[in-house]
Amino acid sequence: MKDQACKILIADDNKTFLLTTADLLRQEGYECYYAPDAMTVIETLKSVKFDLLISDINMPGNNELELIKKLPEIAEGLPVILITGGQFSDTQIQSLKPPVTACLNKPLDLEELLMHIRSSVKGDPNH
């Protein structure tokens, strides 16, 4: 019997990006949920255990990485892949430490994203 699929929460205020990314990752065997803002992420994390968070830097409630700073209180040990449509600032890069495992620019390259997901969750979709 296979293990349960890896659960990923995708957070971005761009609905097209959310739906497209979730669909692509589901085709790869991942169980995906999505949230349009930091408040929804926090509420979702309180009720569902995830293996990974993929989060846009620039979305409501996360302009200063507030969501990432609160994560240890809400979902301790949850790895995070940060994404952005712009460039990462020096301040953002310097502040990166666990739980952040990677920083990627949009548009995302699916193979690169999958590589970082596997590395972040230490295994394949059915870990």
C-alpha atoms as a PDB file:
ATOM      1  CA  MET A   1       0.000   0.000   0.000  1.00  0.00           C
ATOM      2  CA  LYS A   2       1.354   3.417  -0.936  1.00  0.00           C
ATOM      3  CA  ASP A   3       1.963   6.132   1.626  1.00  0.00           C
ATOM      4  CA  GLN A   4      -0.296   9.161   1.543  1.00  0.00           C
ATOM      5  CA  ALA A   5       0.712  11.756  -1.059  1.00  0.00           C
ATOM      6  CA  CYS A   6       2.859  14.670   0.056  1.00  0.00           C
ATOM      7  CA  LYS A   7       0.636  17.637   1.021  1.00  0.00           C
ATOM      8  CA  ILE A   8       1.654  21.030  -0.350  1.00  0.00           C
ATOM      9  CA  LEU A   9       0.059  24.374   0.453  1.00  0.00           C
ATOM     10  CA  ILE A  10       0.557  26.973  -2.292  1.00  0.00           C
ATOM     11  CA  ALA A  11       0.078  30.612  -1.273  1.00  0.00           C
ATOM     12  CA  ASP A  12      -0.220  33.391  -3.848  1.00  0.00           C
ATOM     13  CA  ASP A  13      -2.699  36.168  -4.587  1.00  0.00           C
ATOM     14  CA  ASN A  14      -2.588  35.354  -8.319  1.00  0.00           C
ATOM     15  CA  LYS A  15      -5.442  32.882  -8.864  1.00  0.00           C
ATOM     16  CA  THR A  16      -4.196  31.744 -12.288  1.00  0.00           C
ATOM     17  CA  PHE A  17      -0.758  30.961 -10.855  1.00  0.00           C
ATOM     18  CA  LEU A  18      -2.320  29.072  -7.934  1.00  0.00           C
ATOM     19  CA  LEU A  19      -4.579  26.915 -10.066  1.00  0.00           C
ATOM     20  CA  THR A  20      -1.964  26.207 -12.733  1.00  0.00           C
ATOM     21  CA  THR A  21       0.774  25.312 -10.245  1.00  0.00           C
ATOM     22  CA  ALA A  22      -1.550  23.134  -8.169  1.00  0.00           C
ATOM     23  CA  ASP A  23      -2.720  21.314 -11.310  1.00  0.00           C
ATOM     24  CA  LEU A  24       0.854  20.662 -12.501  1.00  0.00           C
ATOM     25  CA  LEU A  25       1.920  19.367  -9.090  1.00  0.00           C
ATOM     26  CA  ARG A  26      -1.160  17.136  -8.803  1.00  0.00           C
ATOM     27  CA  GLN A  27      -0.150  15.554 -12.125  1.00  0.00           C
ATOM     28  CA  GLU A  28       3.181  14.727 -10.449  1.00  0.00           C
ATOM     29  CA  GLY A  29       1.404  12.968  -7.571  1.00  0.00           C
ATOM     30  CA  TYR A  30       1.272  15.747  -4.960  1.00  0.00           C
ATOM     31  CA  GLU A  31      -1.821  16.648  -2.965  1.00  0.00           C
ATOM     32  CA  CYS A  32      -2.194  20.434  -3.322  1.00  0.00           C
ATOM     33  CA  TYR A  33      -4.160  23.067  -1.479  1.00  0.00           C
ATOM     34  CA  TYR A  34      -4.003  26.796  -2.044  1.00  0.00           C
ATOM     35  CA  ALA A  35      -4.514  30.092  -0.242  1.00  0.00           C
ATOM     36  CA  PRO A  36      -4.749  33.652  -1.626  1.00  0.00           C
ATOM     37  CA  ASP A  37      -3.219  35.461   1.375  1.00  0.00           C
ATOM     38  CA  ALA A  38      -1.246  35.025   4.582  1.00  0.00           C
ATOM     39  CA  MET A  39      -4.324  34.974   6.854  1.00  0.00           C
ATOM     40  CA  THR A  40      -5.803  32.056   4.899  1.00  0.00           C
ATOM     41  CA  VAL A  41      -2.445  30.251   5.092  1.00  0.00           C
ATOM     42  CA  ILE A  42      -2.365  30.657   8.880  1.00  0.00           C
ATOM     43  CA  GLU A  43      -5.944  29.423   9.285  1.00  0.00           C
ATOM     44  CA  THR A  44      -5.318  26.466   6.958  1.00  0.00           C
ATOM     45  CA  LEU A  45      -2.106  25.474   8.757  1.00  0.00           C
ATOM     46  CA  LYS A  46      -3.984  25.403  12.064  1.00  0.00           C
ATOM     47  CA  SER A  47      -6.323  22.707  10.757  1.00  0.00           C
ATOM     48  CA  VAL A  48      -4.298  20.659   8.239  1.00  0.00           C
ATOM     49  CA  LYS A  49      -0.757  19.245   8.486  1.00  0.00           C
ATOM     50  CA  PHE A  50       1.316  19.965   5.378  1.00  0.00           C
ATOM     51  CA  ASP A  51       4.685  18.703   4.217  1.00  0.00           C
ATOM     52  CA  LEU A  52       5.626  21.912   2.368  1.00  0.00           C
ATOM     53  CA  LEU A  53       4.558  25.531   1.875  1.00  0.00           C
ATOM     54  CA  ILE A  54       5.213  27.275  -1.439  1.00  0.00           C
ATOM     55  CA  SER A  55       4.624  30.977  -0.814  1.00  0.00           C
ATOM     56  CA  ASP A  56       4.797  34.162  -2.827  1.00  0.00           C
ATOM     57  CA  ILE A  57       6.723  36.892  -1.041  1.00  0.00           C
ATOM     58  CA  ASN A  58       4.455  39.695  -2.245  1.00  0.00           C
ATOM     59  CA  MET A  59       0.895  38.879  -1.260  1.00  0.00           C
ATOM     60  CA  PRO A  60      -1.523  40.319   1.291  1.00  0.00           C
ATOM     61  CA  GLY A  61      -0.189  39.767   4.796  1.00  0.00           C
ATOM     62  CA  ASN A  62       3.359  38.862   3.775  1.00  0.00           C
ATOM     63  CA  ASN A  63       4.917  42.099   2.505  1.00  0.00           C
ATOM     64  CA  GLU A  64       7.678  42.001   5.124  1.00  0.00           C
ATOM     65  CA  LEU A  65       7.816  38.199   5.296  1.00  0.00           C
ATOM     66  CA  GLU A  66       5.481  38.285   8.325  1.00  0.00           C
ATOM     67  CA  LEU A  67       4.044  34.909   7.392  1.00  0.00           C
ATOM     68  CA  ILE A  68       7.468  33.265   7.270  1.00  0.00           C
ATOM     69  CA  LYS A  69       8.397  34.795  10.639  1.00  0.00           C
ATOM     70  CA  LYS A  70       5.183  33.416  12.243  1.00  0.00           C
ATOM     71  CA  LEU A  71       5.530  29.906  10.788  1.00  0.00           C
ATOM     72  CA  PRO A  72       7.532  28.350  13.651  1.00  0.00           C
ATOM     73  CA  GLU A  73       4.651  29.201  16.010  1.00  0.00           C
ATOM     74  CA  ILE A  74       2.015  27.755  13.672  1.00  0.00           C
ATOM     75  CA  ALA A  75       3.690  24.847  11.861  1.00  0.00           C
ATOM     76  CA  GLU A  76       7.061  24.122  13.405  1.00  0.00           C
ATOM     77  CA  GLY A  77       9.494  22.462  11.010  1.00  0.00           C
ATOM     78  CA  LEU A  78       7.402  23.113   7.887  1.00  0.00           C
ATOM     79  CA  PRO A  79       9.799  23.722   4.970  1.00  0.00           C
ATOM     80  CA  VAL A  80       9.090  26.713   2.716  1.00  0.00           C
ATOM     81  CA  ILE A  81       9.901  27.508  -0.905  1.00  0.00           C
ATOM     82  CA  LEU A  82       9.606  31.247  -1.513  1.00  0.00           C
ATOM     83  CA  ILE A  83       8.620  32.574  -4.935  1.00  0.00           C
ATOM     84  CA  THR A  84       8.429  36.047  -6.427  1.00  0.00           C
ATOM     85  CA  GLY A  85       7.595  37.769  -9.669  1.00  0.00           C
ATOM     86  CA  GLY A  86      10.342  40.300  -8.981  1.00  0.00           C
ATOM     87  CA  GLN A  87      13.842  40.000  -7.641  1.00  0.00           C
ATOM     88  CA  PHE A  88      14.838  38.951  -4.153  1.00  0.00           C
ATOM     89  CA  SER A  89      16.303  41.874  -2.225  1.00  0.00           C
ATOM     90  CA  ASP A  90      19.580  41.594  -0.314  1.00  0.00           C
ATOM     91  CA  THR A  91      17.603  41.856   2.919  1.00  0.00           C
ATOM     92  CA  GLN A  92      15.353  38.974   1.902  1.00  0.00           C
ATOM     93  CA  ILE A  93      18.289  36.810   0.849  1.00  0.00           C
ATOM     94  CA  GLN A  94      20.190  37.549   4.081  1.00  0.00           C
ATOM     95  CA  SER A  95      17.163  36.673   6.200  1.00  0.00           C
ATOM     96  CA  LEU A  96      16.786  33.255   4.600  1.00  0.00           C
ATOM     97  CA  LYS A  97      17.313  30.403   6.965  1.00  0.00           C
ATOM     98  CA  PRO A  98      15.294  27.379   7.845  1.00  0.00           C
ATOM     99  CA  PRO A  99      12.423  26.929   7.280  1.00  0.00           C
ATOM    100  CA  VAL A 100      13.130  28.505   3.854  1.00  0.00           C
ATOM    101  CA  THR A 101      14.735  25.888   1.603  1.00  0.00           C
ATOM    102  CA  ALA A 102      14.717  27.734  -1.749  1.00  0.00           C
ATOM    103  CA  CYS A 103      13.883  31.045  -3.443  1.00  0.00           C
ATOM    104  CA  LEU A 104      12.561  30.894  -7.003  1.00  0.00           C
ATOM    105  CA  ASN A 105      11.545  33.517  -9.547  1.00  0.00           C
ATOM    106  CA  LYS A 106       8.362  33.412 -11.618  1.00  0.00           C
ATOM    107  CA  PRO A 107       7.685  32.093 -14.104  1.00  0.00           C
ATOM    108  CA  LEU A 108       8.635  28.854 -12.418  1.00  0.00           C
ATOM    109  CA  ASP A 109      10.498  26.122 -14.247  1.00  0.00           C
ATOM    110  CA  LEU A 110       8.592  22.923 -13.391  1.00  0.00           C
ATOM    111  CA  GLU A 111      11.684  20.699 -13.272  1.00  0.00           C
ATOM    112  CA  GLU A 112      13.510  23.147 -10.997  1.00  0.00           C
ATOM    113  CA  LEU A 113      10.449  23.419  -8.736  1.00  0.00           C
ATOM    114  CA  LEU A 114      10.127  19.630  -8.544  1.00  0.00           C
ATOM    115  CA  MET A 115      13.810  19.311  -7.659  1.00  0.00           C
ATOM    116  CA  HIS A 116      13.385  21.781  -4.781  1.00  0.00           C
ATOM    117  CA  ILE A 117      10.180  20.109  -3.610  1.00  0.00           C
ATOM    118  CA  ARG A 118      11.870  16.712  -3.467  1.00  0.00           C
ATOM    119  CA  SER A 119      14.827  18.188  -1.641  1.00  0.00           C
ATOM    120  CA  SER A 120      12.588  20.068   0.805  1.00  0.00           C
ATOM    121  CA  VAL A 121      10.443  17.089   1.718  1.00  0.00           C
ATOM    122  CA  LYS A 122      13.314  14.588   1.471  1.00  0.00           C
ATOM    123  CA  GLY A 123      11.655  12.308  -0.983  1.00  0.00           C
ATOM    124  CA  ASP A 124       9.161  11.802  -3.727  1.00  0.00           C
ATOM    125  CA  PRO A 125       5.414  12.495  -3.782  1.00  0.00           C
ATOM    126  CA  ASN A 126       4.753   9.256  -1.957  1.00  0.00           C
ATOM    127  CA  HIS A 127       7.334   9.624   0.787  1.00  0.00           C
END
